[in-house]
Amino acid sequence: MTAPARLTAGWRRTGPASLRDHLDVYGPLPRRPGRPGFLADAVTESGLTGRGGAGFPTGTKMHAVAESRGPAVVVANGMEGEPASAKDHALLARSPHLVLDGAVLAAEAVRADVVHMCLPRTSPRLADQVRAAIADRQRSGLGPPIQVHEVPHHYVSGEETALVRWLNGSEARPAGGLTRPYERGVRRRPTLVDNVETLAHIALIARFGPSWFRQAGLPSDPGTMLATISGAVVRPGVYEIALGTPIGDLLAISHAAPDVTAVLVGGYFGTWHALQDVAGLPMSATRLRGVGASPGAGVLVALPASTCGLVETARVLGYLADQSADQCGPCYFGLPAIAQDFAQLAAGCPNGPVLERLDRRIGQLAGRGACRHPDGAVRLAGSALTAFAADVHAHARHMPCRAARRGRDGLLAIPRPWAEGEWA
């Protein structure tokens, strides 16, 4: 079932809500002078976790930054590098002030004197809309300065250390290693990097409290989240759902086709599953962990029987190999090799023992990269080999499935190569 409208309560049919519209729905920005730790404590009590994909406890991050020395920085991450997700864009395009409220309140909570809003360079209209919303707020004197940045749009450029590097004048590539933005981030200052949906939840928790937040969702995974549902569904789009809603129910509300056989959970760093194995499972990190899955950025893609899951996976792996930061051997050599092997398998034209090579290479890459990009790619590849096991063995014997022979692919979005091709 869908959740009572919280994040989406102020969404208009078209265009962003004005500041006046926003205040009519949510009321004024809450202020609690003299209690600097109140919001971080409330967020911790709420159980809010990051909605960008990693799912780290938000209150823990806020406390870590607040307890560091010197003035801090807040980075609002609206990059949405996941091609199967549209939630961050939808939230910023319809309720920019809820995100900006959260950014301002988080800045006050961690003693930050500036907020950096990072948006993809490929969405200039969205950046203009956010700038217009910021201008409205500045005229009303709401919060510290908010600077909008249009960042090169690659799959990995929205990773938090990549944004810190770019804001520091370098390339938007993950730093890897032991770099911790909460200790030393933008301009070597303690930095809180949060996804824009996470910040919107912070704004609601500040207004209505942690107990209210926990009225939706599960005790172990409280609250709501924005989920992007696509693929073989009649009503694709962004839905606000209560955490813990069964995957089968989410496909039902989006009117999934009757021949859906598998589902991609979590996005391109996610996992494939036979629908019958996950239809009854709740959409929550805790409950999906048992089958090796995660909600990630809230992505569900329904795969019909008329589409080959191996072909779709090969397309995504080719894209992920092309989108790597090229900073280590697993990305530079390993991902292209896995993508090539998978392309041969998908076509039913393997060169030699392709399954043995894939098994070996997947094992070699896991946990070896300078960042987590190789881990996500091999997770997707490994899950496809399991979920589509019958097709895998047929394809490996030069007998591709009927769906592959028909050549119907393109269910999963693969962004066109970015014209500028820059990282800085």
Protein backbone atom coordinates (compact mmCIF):
# COMPACT_ATOMS: atom_id res chain seq x y z
CA MET A 1 0.00 0.00 0.00
CA THR A 2 1.05 3.57 -0.46
CA ALA A 3 1.75 5.61 2.66
CA PRO A 4 -0.14 8.69 3.87
CA ALA A 5 1.30 11.64 1.98
CA ARG A 6 4.21 13.15 3.86
CA LEU A 7 6.95 14.06 1.44
CA THR A 8 4.37 14.25 -1.33
CA ALA A 9 1.72 16.23 0.57
CA GLY A 10 2.73 19.47 -1.11
CA TRP A 11 3.17 18.08 -4.62
CA ARG A 12 1.32 19.96 -7.28
CA ARG A 13 0.20 18.33 -10.51
CA THR A 14 2.76 20.38 -12.43
CA GLY A 15 5.62 22.63 -11.41
CA PRO A 16 7.25 23.34 -8.07
CA ALA A 17 5.30 24.43 -5.01
CA SER A 18 5.89 28.08 -4.16
CA LEU A 19 7.15 29.12 -0.74
CA ARG A 20 3.63 30.22 0.18
CA ASP A 21 2.18 26.88 -0.96
CA HIS A 22 4.84 25.07 1.03
CA LEU A 23 4.15 27.02 4.21
CA ASP A 24 0.40 26.43 3.82
CA VAL A 25 1.00 22.67 3.79
CA TYR A 26 3.80 22.26 6.35
CA GLY A 27 3.81 25.43 8.40
CA PRO A 28 6.79 27.65 9.27
CA LEU A 29 10.32 26.46 9.80
CA PRO A 30 10.59 25.20 13.42
CA ARG A 31 13.04 27.00 15.66
CA ARG A 32 14.35 25.75 19.01
CA PRO A 33 16.93 28.29 20.22
CA GLY A 34 19.29 27.14 22.92
CA ARG A 35 19.03 23.44 22.09
CA PRO A 36 21.68 22.80 19.41
CA GLY A 37 21.65 19.03 19.87
CA PHE A 38 17.88 18.67 19.77
CA LEU A 39 17.50 17.89 16.07
CA ALA A 40 20.35 15.37 15.88
CA ASP A 41 18.86 13.59 18.92
CA ALA A 42 15.39 13.62 17.35
CA VAL A 43 16.69 12.24 14.06
CA THR A 44 18.56 9.50 15.93
CA GLU A 45 15.41 8.59 17.88
CA SER A 46 13.37 8.53 14.67
CA GLY A 47 15.52 5.81 13.15
CA LEU A 48 15.88 7.70 9.87
CA THR A 49 18.47 6.20 7.55
CA GLY A 50 19.94 7.74 4.42
CA ARG A 51 17.69 7.51 1.37
CA GLY A 52 20.48 7.77 -1.19
CA GLY A 53 21.14 4.04 -1.22
CA ALA A 54 23.64 3.30 1.55
CA GLY A 55 21.09 3.42 4.36
CA PHE A 56 23.47 4.73 7.05
CA PRO A 57 21.82 6.12 10.24
CA THR A 58 21.36 9.84 9.63
CA GLY A 59 21.47 10.88 13.27
CA THR A 60 24.87 9.23 13.69
CA LYS A 61 26.27 11.28 10.81
CA MET A 62 24.79 14.49 12.21
CA HIS A 63 26.29 13.89 15.66
CA ALA A 64 29.70 13.07 14.15
CA VAL A 65 29.79 16.38 12.25
CA ALA A 66 28.38 18.41 15.14
CA GLU A 67 31.03 17.05 17.49
CA SER A 68 33.93 17.86 15.15
CA ARG A 69 35.95 21.01 15.61
CA GLY A 70 35.32 24.21 13.70
CA PRO A 71 32.47 25.43 11.48
CA ALA A 72 30.93 22.70 9.37
CA VAL A 73 29.55 22.40 5.83
CA VAL A 74 26.36 20.73 4.59
CA VAL A 75 26.17 19.17 1.13
CA ALA A 76 22.72 18.36 -0.26
CA ASN A 77 23.18 15.52 -2.73
CA GLY A 78 20.67 15.69 -5.57
CA MET A 79 22.84 14.00 -8.18
CA GLU A 80 20.70 10.87 -8.62
CA GLY A 81 23.24 8.95 -10.67
CA GLU A 82 21.01 5.85 -10.63
CA PRO A 83 19.33 5.76 -14.08
CA ALA A 84 16.39 3.69 -12.79
CA SER A 85 15.54 6.26 -10.10
CA ALA A 86 13.54 9.47 -10.54
CA LYS A 87 12.69 10.25 -6.93
CA ASP A 88 15.22 12.99 -6.18
CA HIS A 89 14.38 14.87 -9.36
CA ALA A 90 10.65 14.57 -8.63
CA LEU A 91 11.09 15.79 -5.05
CA LEU A 92 13.20 18.80 -6.02
CA ALA A 93 10.98 19.66 -8.97
CA ARG A 94 7.79 19.62 -6.87
CA SER A 95 8.77 20.33 -3.25
CA PRO A 96 12.10 22.16 -3.33
CA HIS A 97 11.34 24.06 -0.12
CA LEU A 98 10.95 20.87 1.92
CA VAL A 99 14.47 19.84 0.89
CA LEU A 100 15.79 23.35 1.54
CA ASP A 101 14.13 23.35 4.97
CA GLY A 102 15.96 20.14 5.81
CA ALA A 103 19.27 21.53 4.57
CA VAL A 104 18.89 24.71 6.64
CA LEU A 105 17.86 22.82 9.77
CA ALA A 106 20.70 20.33 9.36
CA ALA A 107 23.13 23.23 8.95
CA GLU A 108 21.94 24.77 12.20
CA ALA A 109 22.19 21.40 13.96
CA VAL A 110 25.81 20.78 12.94
CA ARG A 111 26.93 24.44 13.17
CA ALA A 112 27.44 24.85 9.42
CA ASP A 113 27.61 28.30 7.84
CA VAL A 114 27.04 27.23 4.23
CA VAL A 115 24.99 24.68 2.28
CA HIS A 116 26.10 23.32 -1.10
CA MET A 117 23.29 21.96 -3.27
CA CYS A 118 24.79 19.56 -5.85
CA LEU A 119 22.69 18.83 -8.93
CA PRO A 120 23.49 17.07 -12.23
CA ARG A 121 24.83 19.30 -14.95
CA THR A 122 22.51 17.51 -17.34
CA SER A 123 19.41 19.02 -15.66
CA PRO A 124 19.78 22.81 -16.07
CA ARG A 125 16.05 23.43 -15.74
CA LEU A 126 15.98 21.74 -12.34
CA ALA A 127 18.94 23.84 -11.21
CA ASP A 128 17.11 27.00 -12.30
CA GLN A 129 14.00 25.97 -10.36
CA VAL A 130 16.01 25.33 -7.21
CA ARG A 131 17.81 28.67 -7.57
CA ALA A 132 14.43 30.40 -7.89
CA ALA A 133 13.23 28.70 -4.70
CA ILE A 134 16.39 29.76 -2.88
CA ALA A 135 15.89 33.36 -4.03
CA ASP A 136 12.36 33.33 -2.57
CA ARG A 137 13.71 32.11 0.75
CA GLN A 138 16.53 34.63 0.87
CA ARG A 139 14.02 37.42 0.54
CA SER A 140 12.35 35.97 3.64
CA GLY A 141 15.65 35.54 5.51
CA LEU A 142 15.40 31.76 5.93
CA GLY A 143 18.73 30.19 6.87
CA PRO A 144 22.39 30.34 5.81
CA PRO A 145 23.61 30.84 2.24
CA ILE A 146 22.76 28.00 -0.15
CA GLN A 147 24.97 27.60 -3.20
CA VAL A 148 23.79 25.58 -6.19
CA HIS A 149 26.41 23.61 -8.13
CA GLU A 150 25.93 21.80 -11.41
CA VAL A 151 28.23 18.79 -11.22
CA PRO A 152 29.38 16.45 -14.03
CA HIS A 153 26.85 13.64 -14.22
CA HIS A 154 28.42 10.20 -14.05
CA TYR A 155 27.19 7.15 -12.18
CA VAL A 156 29.85 7.60 -9.49
CA SER A 157 30.00 11.41 -9.32
CA GLY A 158 27.23 11.51 -6.71
CA GLU A 159 29.23 9.42 -4.25
CA GLU A 160 29.89 11.61 -1.20
CA THR A 161 33.68 11.71 -1.48
CA ALA A 162 33.37 12.46 -5.22
CA LEU A 163 31.24 15.52 -4.40
CA VAL A 164 33.72 16.65 -1.75
CA ARG A 165 36.58 16.32 -4.23
CA TRP A 166 34.69 18.29 -6.86
CA LEU A 167 33.73 21.06 -4.41
CA ASN A 168 37.42 21.24 -3.48
CA GLY A 169 38.34 21.92 -7.10
CA SER A 170 39.27 18.43 -8.25
CA GLU A 171 37.46 15.82 -10.37
CA ALA A 172 34.13 14.30 -9.35
CA ARG A 173 35.62 10.85 -8.72
CA PRO A 174 35.33 8.88 -5.46
CA ALA A 175 38.28 9.33 -3.14
CA GLY A 176 38.23 5.80 -1.78
CA GLY A 177 40.52 4.84 1.06
CA LEU A 178 39.71 6.07 4.56
CA THR A 179 38.54 9.58 3.68
CA ARG A 180 35.72 10.59 6.00
CA PRO A 181 33.86 13.79 5.03
CA TYR A 182 32.52 14.22 8.57
CA GLU A 183 36.11 14.68 9.75
CA ARG A 184 37.65 16.51 6.79
CA GLY A 185 35.52 17.35 3.80
CA VAL A 186 34.88 20.54 1.86
CA ARG A 187 37.79 22.97 2.42
CA ARG A 188 39.07 20.48 5.02
CA ARG A 189 36.08 21.25 7.25
CA PRO A 190 33.74 18.69 8.84
CA THR A 191 31.06 18.02 6.22
CA LEU A 192 27.61 16.47 6.37
CA VAL A 193 26.63 14.96 3.01
CA ASP A 194 22.99 13.89 2.81
CA ASN A 195 20.69 12.85 -0.01
CA VAL A 196 17.94 15.39 -0.74
CA GLU A 197 15.19 12.97 0.29
CA THR A 198 16.96 12.41 3.60
CA LEU A 199 17.00 16.17 4.17
CA ALA A 200 13.29 16.40 3.41
CA HIS A 201 12.63 13.78 6.10
CA ILE A 202 14.77 15.80 8.53
CA ALA A 203 12.51 18.80 7.89
CA LEU A 204 9.44 16.69 8.76
CA ILE A 205 11.01 15.19 11.88
CA ALA A 206 11.91 18.70 13.08
CA ARG A 207 8.27 19.73 12.69
CA PHE A 208 6.40 16.66 13.89
CA GLY A 209 8.88 14.66 15.97
CA PRO A 210 10.39 11.17 15.93
CA SER A 211 7.28 9.42 17.28
CA TRP A 212 5.23 10.79 14.39
CA PHE A 213 7.89 9.62 11.94
CA ARG A 214 7.71 6.09 13.36
CA GLN A 215 3.93 5.89 12.86
CA ALA A 216 4.69 4.67 9.33
CA GLY A 217 6.93 1.78 8.41
CA LEU A 218 8.35 -1.00 10.57
CA PRO A 219 9.89 -0.78 14.05
CA SER A 220 13.21 -1.87 12.53
CA ASP A 221 12.80 0.32 9.42
CA PRO A 222 10.57 3.26 10.26
CA GLY A 223 9.13 5.99 8.08
CA THR A 224 8.31 6.34 4.43
CA MET A 225 10.46 6.44 1.34
CA LEU A 226 10.10 7.46 -2.28
CA ALA A 227 10.17 4.46 -4.60
CA THR A 228 10.59 4.54 -8.38
CA ILE A 229 8.68 1.68 -10.02
CA SER A 230 9.18 0.99 -13.71
CA GLY A 231 9.48 -1.74 -16.32
CA ALA A 232 6.45 -3.82 -17.27
CA VAL A 233 3.94 -1.71 -15.33
CA VAL A 234 0.99 0.36 -16.54
CA ARG A 235 1.62 3.18 -14.07
CA PRO A 236 5.37 3.75 -13.77
CA GLY A 237 6.48 6.59 -11.55
CA VAL A 238 7.52 7.75 -8.10
CA TYR A 239 5.43 6.56 -5.15
CA GLU A 240 5.66 7.42 -1.47
CA ILE A 241 5.50 4.12 0.37
CA ALA A 242 5.68 2.95 3.96
CA LEU A 243 8.84 0.96 4.57
CA GLY A 244 7.83 -2.67 4.90
CA THR A 245 5.22 -2.64 2.14
CA PRO A 246 5.46 -6.01 0.33
CA ILE A 247 7.09 -5.87 -3.09
CA GLY A 248 4.10 -7.64 -4.62
CA ASP A 249 1.78 -4.92 -3.32
CA LEU A 250 3.99 -2.22 -4.85
CA LEU A 251 3.86 -3.94 -8.22
CA ALA A 252 0.09 -4.23 -7.85
CA ILE A 253 -0.45 -0.52 -7.23
CA SER A 254 1.63 0.26 -10.30
CA HIS A 255 -0.41 -2.29 -12.30
CA ALA A 256 2.34 -4.72 -13.21
CA ALA A 257 1.81 -6.82 -16.32
CA PRO A 258 0.54 -10.37 -15.65
CA ASP A 259 3.62 -11.94 -17.27
CA VAL A 260 6.17 -10.37 -14.93
CA THR A 261 8.57 -13.11 -13.88
CA ALA A 262 11.43 -11.25 -12.21
CA VAL A 263 12.16 -7.96 -10.49
CA LEU A 264 15.27 -5.82 -10.09
CA VAL A 265 15.44 -4.56 -6.51
CA GLY A 266 17.58 -1.56 -5.58
CA GLY A 267 18.76 -0.34 -8.98
CA TYR A 268 21.88 -1.00 -11.05
CA PHE A 269 23.89 -1.83 -7.93
CA GLY A 270 20.98 -4.02 -6.84
CA THR A 271 19.92 -7.61 -7.40
CA TRP A 272 17.66 -9.64 -9.66
CA HIS A 273 15.10 -11.99 -8.11
CA ALA A 274 12.38 -14.30 -9.36
CA LEU A 275 9.10 -12.54 -8.54
CA GLN A 276 7.79 -15.55 -6.65
CA ASP A 277 10.78 -15.35 -4.29
CA VAL A 278 10.32 -11.71 -3.26
CA ALA A 279 6.65 -10.81 -3.88
CA GLY A 280 5.79 -11.32 -0.22
CA LEU A 281 8.92 -9.69 1.18
CA PRO A 282 8.72 -6.20 2.71
CA MET A 283 10.54 -3.35 1.01
CA SER A 284 12.98 -2.70 3.83
CA ALA A 285 16.70 -3.12 4.36
CA THR A 286 16.29 -5.39 7.38
CA ARG A 287 13.80 -7.78 5.80
CA LEU A 288 15.47 -7.95 2.36
CA ARG A 289 18.90 -8.68 3.78
CA GLY A 290 18.01 -12.36 4.14
CA VAL A 291 17.81 -12.80 0.35
CA GLY A 292 20.88 -10.66 -0.33
CA ALA A 293 18.86 -7.64 -1.43
CA SER A 294 18.47 -4.01 -0.38
CA PRO A 295 16.01 -1.24 -1.30
CA GLY A 296 18.96 0.90 -2.35
CA ALA A 297 17.58 4.16 -3.66
CA GLY A 298 14.06 2.71 -3.70
CA VAL A 299 14.08 1.14 -7.16
CA LEU A 300 11.87 -1.66 -8.47
CA VAL A 301 11.93 -2.74 -12.12
CA ALA A 302 9.48 -5.39 -13.28
CA LEU A 303 10.78 -7.76 -15.96
CA PRO A 304 8.25 -9.52 -18.23
CA ALA A 305 8.74 -12.96 -19.74
CA SER A 306 9.09 -11.35 -23.17
CA THR A 307 12.39 -9.69 -22.15
CA CYS A 308 15.67 -11.51 -21.52
CA GLY A 309 17.14 -10.71 -18.12
CA LEU A 310 20.63 -11.65 -19.31
CA VAL A 311 20.44 -9.21 -22.21
CA GLU A 312 19.26 -6.44 -19.88
CA THR A 313 22.02 -7.21 -17.39
CA ALA A 314 24.66 -7.19 -20.12
CA ARG A 315 23.50 -3.74 -21.21
CA VAL A 316 23.75 -2.41 -17.65
CA LEU A 317 27.16 -3.98 -17.05
CA GLY A 318 28.47 -2.36 -20.23
CA TYR A 319 27.19 0.98 -18.95
CA LEU A 320 28.72 0.49 -15.48
CA ALA A 321 32.06 -0.46 -17.00
CA ASP A 322 31.98 2.72 -19.07
CA GLN A 323 31.00 4.79 -16.02
CA SER A 324 33.82 3.66 -13.74
CA ALA A 325 36.26 6.17 -12.30
CA ASP A 326 39.20 4.27 -13.88
CA GLN A 327 41.22 4.66 -10.68
CA CYS A 328 42.07 1.02 -9.98
CA GLY A 329 42.57 -2.31 -11.69
CA PRO A 330 39.16 -3.77 -10.78
CA CYS A 331 37.42 -0.86 -12.54
CA TYR A 332 39.89 -0.37 -15.40
CA PHE A 333 40.40 -4.03 -16.33
CA GLY A 334 37.91 -6.12 -14.36
CA LEU A 335 34.59 -4.47 -15.17
CA PRO A 336 35.14 -4.36 -18.96
CA ALA A 337 36.13 -8.04 -18.86
CA ILE A 338 32.99 -9.01 -16.95
CA ALA A 339 30.85 -6.87 -19.24
CA GLN A 340 32.36 -8.56 -22.31
CA ASP A 341 31.82 -12.04 -20.88
CA PHE A 342 28.23 -11.20 -20.02
CA ALA A 343 27.59 -9.79 -23.49
CA GLN A 344 28.80 -13.07 -25.00
CA LEU A 345 26.59 -15.04 -22.63
CA ALA A 346 23.54 -12.88 -23.35
CA ALA A 347 23.98 -13.32 -27.09
CA GLY A 348 24.33 -17.08 -26.71
CA CYS A 349 27.76 -16.95 -28.38
CA PRO A 350 30.25 -17.54 -25.57
CA ASN A 351 33.93 -17.75 -26.37
CA GLY A 352 35.21 -20.68 -24.32
CA PRO A 353 34.18 -21.46 -20.71
CA VAL A 354 32.37 -18.17 -20.07
CA LEU A 355 30.69 -19.27 -16.83
CA GLU A 356 34.02 -20.30 -15.31
CA ARG A 357 35.52 -16.94 -16.27
CA LEU A 358 32.59 -15.02 -14.83
CA ASP A 359 32.71 -16.98 -11.59
CA ARG A 360 36.44 -16.35 -11.22
CA ARG A 361 36.31 -12.66 -12.15
CA ILE A 362 33.34 -11.89 -9.94
CA GLY A 363 35.19 -13.46 -7.01
CA GLN A 364 38.36 -11.53 -7.79
CA LEU A 365 36.66 -8.13 -8.01
CA ALA A 366 34.45 -8.19 -4.93
CA GLY A 367 35.89 -5.90 -2.25
CA ARG A 368 39.02 -5.06 -4.25
CA GLY A 369 38.13 -1.66 -5.73
CA ALA A 370 39.30 1.77 -4.64
CA CYS A 371 35.60 2.57 -4.25
CA ARG A 372 32.43 0.47 -4.21
CA HIS A 373 31.70 0.72 -7.92
CA PRO A 374 33.08 -2.77 -8.73
CA ASP A 375 31.18 -4.26 -5.78
CA GLY A 376 27.86 -2.97 -7.10
CA ALA A 377 28.51 -4.22 -10.61
CA VAL A 378 29.51 -7.73 -9.56
CA ARG A 379 26.53 -7.89 -7.19
CA LEU A 380 24.23 -7.26 -10.14
CA ALA A 381 26.07 -9.78 -12.33
CA GLY A 382 26.06 -12.49 -9.67
CA SER A 383 22.37 -12.06 -8.95
CA ALA A 384 21.52 -12.38 -12.66
CA LEU A 385 23.43 -15.67 -12.87
CA THR A 386 21.26 -16.98 -10.02
CA ALA A 387 17.88 -15.48 -10.90
CA PHE A 388 18.07 -16.53 -14.54
CA ALA A 389 19.93 -19.81 -13.95
CA ALA A 390 17.96 -21.82 -16.51
CA ASP A 391 18.64 -19.25 -19.22
CA VAL A 392 22.28 -18.97 -18.16
CA HIS A 393 22.97 -22.65 -18.84
CA ALA A 394 21.04 -22.61 -22.11
CA HIS A 395 22.85 -19.50 -23.36
CA ALA A 396 26.20 -21.01 -22.36
CA ARG A 397 25.39 -23.99 -24.61
CA HIS A 398 24.75 -21.66 -27.57
CA MET A 399 20.99 -21.97 -27.13
CA PRO A 400 19.76 -18.46 -26.22
CA CYS A 401 16.26 -18.09 -24.86
CA ARG A 402 13.37 -17.11 -27.10
CA ALA A 403 13.28 -13.59 -25.65
CA ALA A 404 16.96 -13.05 -26.52
CA ARG A 405 16.44 -14.38 -30.04
CA ARG A 406 13.58 -11.95 -30.56
CA GLY A 407 16.00 -9.17 -29.71
CA ARG A 408 13.63 -7.27 -27.44
CA ASP A 409 15.65 -5.25 -24.99
CA GLY A 410 15.81 -1.69 -23.79
CA LEU A 411 13.62 -2.14 -20.72
CA LEU A 412 16.32 -0.68 -18.46
CA ALA A 413 17.34 2.90 -19.18
CA ILE A 414 20.90 3.37 -20.37
CA PRO A 415 21.77 7.09 -20.51
CA ARG A 416 23.29 8.28 -23.74
CA PRO A 417 26.98 9.18 -23.47
CA TRP A 418 27.27 12.64 -22.01
CA ALA A 419 28.40 15.02 -24.75
CA GLU A 420 31.03 16.80 -22.67
CA GLY A 421 32.46 13.62 -21.14
CA GLU A 422 34.14 15.63 -18.38
CA TRP A 423 34.74 14.87 -14.71
CA ALA A 424 35.56 18.40 -13.58
